[in-house]
């Protein structure tokens, strides 16, 4: 079963919370962006499906949804 990790990244003086899955895979990178008023949490079911199919998946909380961004 695919695990989703939550990491924090500091970019251009902003802190972002990012969900990642399947980074050890060799498939294409898929970046999932949420809209208002959602967060990256909405993508967890799809992230698991994509990672199990061999994709690398990243879903950041965008500005206004990440503490410090």
PDB file of N, CA and C in Angstrom:
ATOM      1  N   UNK A   1       0.839  -1.187   0.000  1.00  0.00           N
ATOM      2  CA  UNK A   1       0.000   0.000   0.000  1.00  0.00           C
ATOM      3  C   UNK A   1       0.877   1.240   0.000  1.00  0.00           C
ATOM      4  N   UNK A   2       0.535   2.197  -0.797  1.00  0.00           N
ATOM      5  CA  UNK A   2       1.311   3.422  -0.939  1.00  0.00           C
ATOM      6  C   UNK A   2       1.128   4.337   0.260  1.00  0.00           C
ATOM      7  N   UNK A   3       2.250   4.833   0.758  1.00  0.00           N
ATOM      8  CA  UNK A   3       2.231   5.782   1.863  1.00  0.00           C
ATOM      9  C   UNK A   3       2.392   7.194   1.320  1.00  0.00           C
ATOM     10  N   UNK A   4       1.680   8.121   1.910  1.00  0.00           N
ATOM     11  CA  UNK A   4       1.832   9.531   1.562  1.00  0.00           C
ATOM     12  C   UNK A   4       2.613  10.202   2.674  1.00  0.00           C
ATOM     13  N   UNK A   5       3.689  10.871   2.290  1.00  0.00           N
ATOM     14  CA  UNK A   5       4.519  11.591   3.253  1.00  0.00           C
ATOM     15  C   UNK A   5       4.154  13.070   3.208  1.00  0.00           C
ATOM     16  N   UNK A   6       4.263  13.724   4.348  1.00  0.00           N
ATOM     17  CA  UNK A   6       4.065  15.167   4.418  1.00  0.00           C
ATOM     18  C   UNK A   6       5.389  15.790   4.802  1.00  0.00           C
ATOM     19  N   UNK A   7       5.881  16.672   3.939  1.00  0.00           N
ATOM     20  CA  UNK A   7       7.162  17.329   4.167  1.00  0.00           C
ATOM     21  C   UNK A   7       6.979  18.831   4.143  1.00  0.00           C
ATOM     22  N   UNK A   8       7.933  19.527   4.715  1.00  0.00           N
ATOM     23  CA  UNK A   8       7.944  20.997   4.713  1.00  0.00           C
ATOM     24  C   UNK A   8       9.138  21.449   3.878  1.00  0.00           C
ATOM     25  N   UNK A   9       8.908  22.431   3.014  1.00  0.00           N
ATOM     26  CA  UNK A   9       9.972  22.984   2.178  1.00  0.00           C
ATOM     27  C   UNK A   9      10.017  24.493   2.337  1.00  0.00           C
ATOM     28  N   UNK A  10      11.215  25.030   2.450  1.00  0.00           N
ATOM     29  CA  UNK A  10      11.430  26.471   2.567  1.00  0.00           C
ATOM     30  C   UNK A  10      11.923  26.967   1.207  1.00  0.00           C
ATOM     31  N   UNK A  11      11.097  27.774   0.528  1.00  0.00           N
ATOM     32  CA  UNK A  11      11.415  28.257  -0.821  1.00  0.00           C
ATOM     33  C   UNK A  11      11.142  29.758  -0.875  1.00  0.00           C
ATOM     34  N   UNK A  12      12.147  30.532  -1.274  1.00  0.00           N
ATOM     35  CA  UNK A  12      12.001  31.992  -1.411  1.00  0.00           C
ATOM     36  C   UNK A  12      11.375  32.633  -0.168  1.00  0.00           C
ATOM     37  N   UNK A  13      11.910  32.291   0.987  1.00  0.00           N
ATOM     38  CA  UNK A  13      11.445  32.821   2.280  1.00  0.00           C
ATOM     39  C   UNK A  13      10.011  32.437   2.618  1.00  0.00           C
ATOM     40  N   UNK A  14       9.483  31.414   1.996  1.00  0.00           N
ATOM     41  CA  UNK A  14       8.140  30.908   2.287  1.00  0.00           C
ATOM     42  C   UNK A  14       8.242  29.440   2.690  1.00  0.00           C
ATOM     43  N   UNK A  15       7.384  29.006   3.586  1.00  0.00           N
ATOM     44  CA  UNK A  15       7.352  27.608   4.028  1.00  0.00           C
ATOM     45  C   UNK A  15       6.115  26.927   3.457  1.00  0.00           C
ATOM     46  N   UNK A  16       6.334  25.829   2.758  1.00  0.00           N
ATOM     47  CA  UNK A  16       5.242  25.088   2.127  1.00  0.00           C
ATOM     48  C   UNK A  16       5.142  23.684   2.698  1.00  0.00           C
ATOM     49  N   UNK A  17       3.918  23.244   2.934  1.00  0.00           N
ATOM     50  CA  UNK A  17       3.645  21.860   3.301  1.00  0.00           C
ATOM     51  C   UNK A  17       3.309  21.123   2.012  1.00  0.00           C
ATOM     52  N   UNK A  18       3.975  19.981   1.798  1.00  0.00           N
ATOM     53  CA  UNK A  18       3.826  19.253   0.537  1.00  0.00           C
ATOM     54  C   UNK A  18       3.566  17.779   0.826  1.00  0.00           C
ATOM     55  N   UNK A  19       2.568  17.231   0.188  1.00  0.00           N
ATOM     56  CA  UNK A  19       2.309  15.793   0.254  1.00  0.00           C
ATOM     57  C   UNK A  19       3.026  15.148  -0.924  1.00  0.00           C
ATOM     58  N   UNK A  20       3.719  14.031  -0.678  1.00  0.00           N
ATOM     59  CA  UNK A  20       4.452  13.336  -1.737  1.00  0.00           C
ATOM     60  C   UNK A  20       4.161  11.837  -1.661  1.00  0.00           C
ATOM     61  N   UNK A  21       4.201  11.205  -2.814  1.00  0.00           N
ATOM     62  CA  UNK A  21       4.007   9.750  -2.890  1.00  0.00           C
ATOM     63  C   UNK A  21       4.735   9.218  -4.116  1.00  0.00           C
ATOM     64  N   UNK A  22       5.305   8.046  -3.987  1.00  0.00           N
ATOM     65  CA  UNK A  22       5.900   7.354  -5.122  1.00  0.00           C
ATOM     66  C   UNK A  22       7.183   7.973  -5.661  1.00  0.00           C
ATOM     67  N   UNK A  23       7.892   8.762  -4.871  1.00  0.00           N
ATOM     68  CA  UNK A  23       9.106   9.388  -5.402  1.00  0.00           C
ATOM     69  C   UNK A  23      10.183   8.370  -5.761  1.00  0.00           C
ATOM     70  N   UNK A  24      10.060   7.159  -5.245  1.00  0.00           N
ATOM     71  CA  UNK A  24      11.015   6.098  -5.590  1.00  0.00           C
ATOM     72  C   UNK A  24      10.671   5.459  -6.938  1.00  0.00           C
ATOM     73  N   UNK A  25       9.520   5.778  -7.499  1.00  0.00           N
ATOM     74  CA  UNK A  25       9.095   5.228  -8.791  1.00  0.00           C
ATOM     75  C   UNK A  25       9.888   5.851  -9.936  1.00  0.00           C
ATOM     76  N   UNK A  26       9.808   5.232 -11.101  1.00  0.00           N
ATOM     77  CA  UNK A  26      10.505   5.719 -12.292  1.00  0.00           C
ATOM     78  C   UNK A  26       9.585   6.444 -13.264  1.00  0.00           C
ATOM     79  N   UNK A  27       8.311   6.532 -12.946  1.00  0.00           N
ATOM     80  CA  UNK A  27       7.350   7.155 -13.857  1.00  0.00           C
ATOM     81  C   UNK A  27       7.454   8.666 -13.877  1.00  0.00           C
ATOM     82  N   UNK A  28       6.628   9.263 -14.711  1.00  0.00           N
ATOM     83  CA  UNK A  28       6.576  10.717 -14.828  1.00  0.00           C
ATOM     84  C   UNK A  28       6.177  11.353 -13.500  1.00  0.00           C
ATOM     85  N   UNK A  29       6.560  12.609 -13.333  1.00  0.00           N
ATOM     86  CA  UNK A  29       6.163  13.381 -12.166  1.00  0.00           C
ATOM     87  C   UNK A  29       4.804  14.021 -12.434  1.00  0.00           C
ATOM     88  N   UNK A  30       3.882  13.856 -11.480  1.00  0.00           N
ATOM     89  CA  UNK A  30       2.569  14.477 -11.560  1.00  0.00           C
ATOM     90  C   UNK A  30       2.473  15.479 -10.419  1.00  0.00           C
ATOM     91  N   UNK A  31       2.183  16.736 -10.753  1.00  0.00           N
ATOM     92  CA  UNK A  31       2.006  17.780  -9.752  1.00  0.00           C
ATOM     93  C   UNK A  31       0.518  18.109  -9.684  1.00  0.00           C
ATOM     94  N   UNK A  32      -0.067  17.960  -8.504  1.00  0.00           N
ATOM     95  CA  UNK A  32      -1.490  18.205  -8.303  1.00  0.00           C
ATOM     96  C   UNK A  32      -1.667  19.511  -7.534  1.00  0.00           C
ATOM     97  N   UNK A  33      -2.418  20.439  -8.107  1.00  0.00           N
ATOM     98  CA  UNK A  33      -2.653  21.746  -7.486  1.00  0.00           C
ATOM     99  C   UNK A  33      -4.119  21.879  -7.115  1.00  0.00           C
ATOM    100  N   UNK A  34      -4.361  22.289  -5.894  1.00  0.00           N
ATOM    101  CA  UNK A  34      -5.734  22.445  -5.409  1.00  0.00           C
ATOM    102  C   UNK A  34      -6.264  23.841  -5.720  1.00  0.00           C
ATOM    103  N   UNK A  35      -7.568  23.979  -5.656  1.00  0.00           N
ATOM    104  CA  UNK A  35      -8.216  25.273  -5.827  1.00  0.00           C
ATOM    105  C   UNK A  35      -8.857  25.714  -4.521  1.00  0.00           C
ATOM    106  N   UNK A  36      -9.481  26.845  -4.539  1.00  0.00           N
ATOM    107  CA  UNK A  36     -10.149  27.390  -3.361  1.00  0.00           C
ATOM    108  C   UNK A  36     -11.455  26.642  -3.155  1.00  0.00           C
ATOM    109  N   UNK A  37     -11.815  26.273  -2.002  1.00  0.00           N
ATOM    110  CA  UNK A  37     -11.165  26.413  -0.693  1.00  0.00           C
ATOM    111  C   UNK A  37     -10.483  25.131  -0.224  1.00  0.00           C
ATOM    112  N   UNK A  38     -10.060  24.283  -1.123  1.00  0.00           N
ATOM    113  CA  UNK A  38      -9.474  22.980  -0.781  1.00  0.00           C
ATOM    114  C   UNK A  38      -8.015  23.118  -0.351  1.00  0.00           C
ATOM    115  N   UNK A  39      -7.417  22.002   0.020  1.00  0.00           N
ATOM    116  CA  UNK A  39      -5.983  21.909   0.303  1.00  0.00           C
ATOM    117  C   UNK A  39      -5.467  20.647  -0.388  1.00  0.00           C
ATOM    118  N   UNK A  40      -4.200  20.366  -0.235  1.00  0.00           N
ATOM    119  CA  UNK A  40      -3.622  19.176  -0.866  1.00  0.00           C
ATOM    120  C   UNK A  40      -4.220  17.882  -0.316  1.00  0.00           C
ATOM    121  N   UNK A  41      -4.871  17.958   0.822  1.00  0.00           N
ATOM    122  CA  UNK A  41      -5.522  16.777   1.404  1.00  0.00           C
ATOM    123  C   UNK A  41      -6.526  16.159   0.430  1.00  0.00           C
ATOM    124  N   UNK A  42      -7.162  16.983  -0.389  1.00  0.00           N
ATOM    125  CA  UNK A  42      -8.165  16.477  -1.327  1.00  0.00           C
ATOM    126  C   UNK A  42      -7.581  15.482  -2.332  1.00  0.00           C
ATOM    127  N   UNK A  43      -6.266  15.545  -2.573  1.00  0.00           N
ATOM    128  CA  UNK A  43      -5.631  14.718  -3.576  1.00  0.00           C
ATOM    129  C   UNK A  43      -5.158  13.357  -3.057  1.00  0.00           C
ATOM    130  N   UNK A  44      -5.225  13.098  -1.749  1.00  0.00           N
ATOM    131  CA  UNK A  44      -4.657  11.857  -1.214  1.00  0.00           C
ATOM    132  C   UNK A  44      -5.178  10.584  -1.900  1.00  0.00           C
ATOM    133  N   UNK A  45      -6.482  10.414  -2.119  1.00  0.00           N
ATOM    134  CA  UNK A  45      -6.926   9.184  -2.805  1.00  0.00           C
ATOM    135  C   UNK A  45      -6.324   9.041  -4.215  1.00  0.00           C
ATOM    136  N   UNK A  46      -6.289  10.113  -4.969  1.00  0.00           N
ATOM    137  CA  UNK A  46      -5.720  10.058  -6.322  1.00  0.00           C
ATOM    138  C   UNK A  46      -4.209   9.846  -6.274  1.00  0.00           C
ATOM    139  N   UNK A  47      -3.540  10.455  -5.301  1.00  0.00           N
ATOM    140  CA  UNK A  47      -2.092  10.274  -5.164  1.00  0.00           C
ATOM    141  C   UNK A  47      -1.744   8.804  -4.974  1.00  0.00           C
ATOM    142  N   UNK A  48      -2.521   8.101  -4.149  1.00  0.00           N
ATOM    143  CA  UNK A  48      -2.265   6.677  -3.917  1.00  0.00           C
ATOM    144  C   UNK A  48      -2.432   5.875  -5.196  1.00  0.00           C
ATOM    145  N   UNK A  49      -3.477   6.159  -5.940  1.00  0.00           N
ATOM    146  CA  UNK A  49      -3.724   5.448  -7.202  1.00  0.00           C
ATOM    147  C   UNK A  49      -2.585   5.691  -8.185  1.00  0.00           C
ATOM    148  N   UNK A  50      -2.192   6.954  -8.352  1.00  0.00           N
ATOM    149  CA  UNK A  50      -1.119   7.285  -9.303  1.00  0.00           C
ATOM    150  C   UNK A  50       0.212   6.663  -8.896  1.00  0.00           C
ATOM    151  N   UNK A  51       0.546   6.723  -7.605  1.00  0.00           N
ATOM    152  CA  UNK A  51       1.810   6.147  -7.135  1.00  0.00           C
ATOM    153  C   UNK A  51       1.832   4.636  -7.340  1.00  0.00           C
ATOM    154  N   UNK A  52       0.711   3.979  -7.123  1.00  0.00           N
ATOM    155  CA  UNK A  52       0.648   2.533  -7.331  1.00  0.00           C
ATOM    156  C   UNK A  52       0.777   2.159  -8.804  1.00  0.00           C
ATOM    157  N   UNK A  53       0.494   3.100  -9.699  1.00  0.00           N
ATOM    158  CA  UNK A  53       0.650   2.870 -11.140  1.00  0.00           C
ATOM    159  C   UNK A  53       2.036   3.275 -11.640  1.00  0.00           C
ATOM    160  N   UNK A  54       2.931   3.692 -10.698  1.00  0.00           N
ATOM    161  CA  UNK A  54       4.314   3.970 -11.064  1.00  0.00           C
ATOM    162  C   UNK A  54       4.671   5.433 -11.222  1.00  0.00           C
ATOM    163  N   UNK A  55       3.739   6.331 -11.002  1.00  0.00           N
ATOM    164  CA  UNK A  55       4.030   7.757 -11.115  1.00  0.00           C
ATOM    165  C   UNK A  55       4.650   8.292  -9.825  1.00  0.00           C
ATOM    166  N   UNK A  56       5.375   9.388  -9.946  1.00  0.00           N
ATOM    167  CA  UNK A  56       5.855  10.158  -8.801  1.00  0.00           C
ATOM    168  C   UNK A  56       4.882  11.312  -8.646  1.00  0.00           C
ATOM    169  N   UNK A  57       4.384  11.551  -7.427  1.00  0.00           N
ATOM    170  CA  UNK A  57       3.294  12.506  -7.234  1.00  0.00           C
ATOM    171  C   UNK A  57       3.643  13.507  -6.138  1.00  0.00           C
ATOM    172  N   UNK A  58       3.388  14.789  -6.438  1.00  0.00           N
ATOM    173  CA  UNK A  58       3.624  15.878  -5.491  1.00  0.00           C
ATOM    174  C   UNK A  58       2.378  16.752  -5.458  1.00  0.00           C
ATOM    175  N   UNK A  59       1.926  17.088  -4.242  1.00  0.00           N
ATOM    176  CA  UNK A  59       0.752  17.953  -4.075  1.00  0.00           C
ATOM    177  C   UNK A  59       1.055  18.987  -2.980  1.00  0.00           C
ATOM    178  N   UNK A  60       1.448  20.194  -3.368  1.00  0.00           N
ATOM    179  CA  UNK A  60       1.744  21.212  -2.359  1.00  0.00           C
ATOM    180  C   UNK A  60       0.481  21.927  -1.888  1.00  0.00           C
ATOM    181  N   UNK A  61       0.512  22.382  -0.643  1.00  0.00           N
ATOM    182  CA  UNK A  61      -0.478  23.348  -0.194  1.00  0.00           C
ATOM    183  C   UNK A  61       0.014  24.692  -0.715  1.00  0.00           C
ATOM    184  N   UNK A  62      -0.801  25.368  -1.466  1.00  0.00           N
ATOM    185  CA  UNK A  62      -0.375  26.603  -2.090  1.00  0.00           C
ATOM    186  C   UNK A  62      -0.389  27.774  -1.104  1.00  0.00           C
ATOM    187  N   UNK A  63       0.082  28.909  -1.571  1.00  0.00           N
ATOM    188  CA  UNK A  63       0.129  30.096  -0.713  1.00  0.00           C
ATOM    189  C   UNK A  63      -1.247  30.365  -0.123  1.00  0.00           C
ATOM    190  N   UNK A  64      -1.228  30.696   1.160  1.00  0.00           N
ATOM    191  CA  UNK A  64      -2.473  30.914   1.876  1.00  0.00           C
ATOM    192  C   UNK A  64      -3.005  29.659   2.557  1.00  0.00           C
ATOM    193  N   UNK A  65      -2.459  28.490   2.192  1.00  0.00           N
ATOM    194  CA  UNK A  65      -2.882  27.224   2.784  1.00  0.00           C
ATOM    195  C   UNK A  65      -1.742  26.556   3.542  1.00  0.00           C
ATOM    196  N   UNK A  66      -0.512  26.970   3.265  1.00  0.00           N
ATOM    197  CA  UNK A  66       0.637  26.477   4.007  1.00  0.00           C
ATOM    198  C   UNK A  66       0.969  27.505   5.075  1.00  0.00           C
ATOM    199  N   UNK A  67       1.157  27.038   6.284  1.00  0.00           N
ATOM    200  CA  UNK A  67       1.546  27.950   7.348  1.00  0.00           C
ATOM    201  C   UNK A  67       2.892  28.580   6.978  1.00  0.00           C
ATOM    202  N   UNK A  68       2.950  29.883   6.909  1.00  0.00           N
ATOM    203  CA  UNK A  68       4.203  30.568   6.578  1.00  0.00           C
ATOM    204  C   UNK A  68       4.363  30.880   5.102  1.00  0.00           C
ATOM    205  N   UNK A  69       3.317  30.652   4.313  1.00  0.00           N
ATOM    206  CA  UNK A  69       3.421  30.962   2.884  1.00  0.00           C
ATOM    207  C   UNK A  69       2.270  31.861   2.477  1.00  0.00           C
TER     208      UNK A  69
END
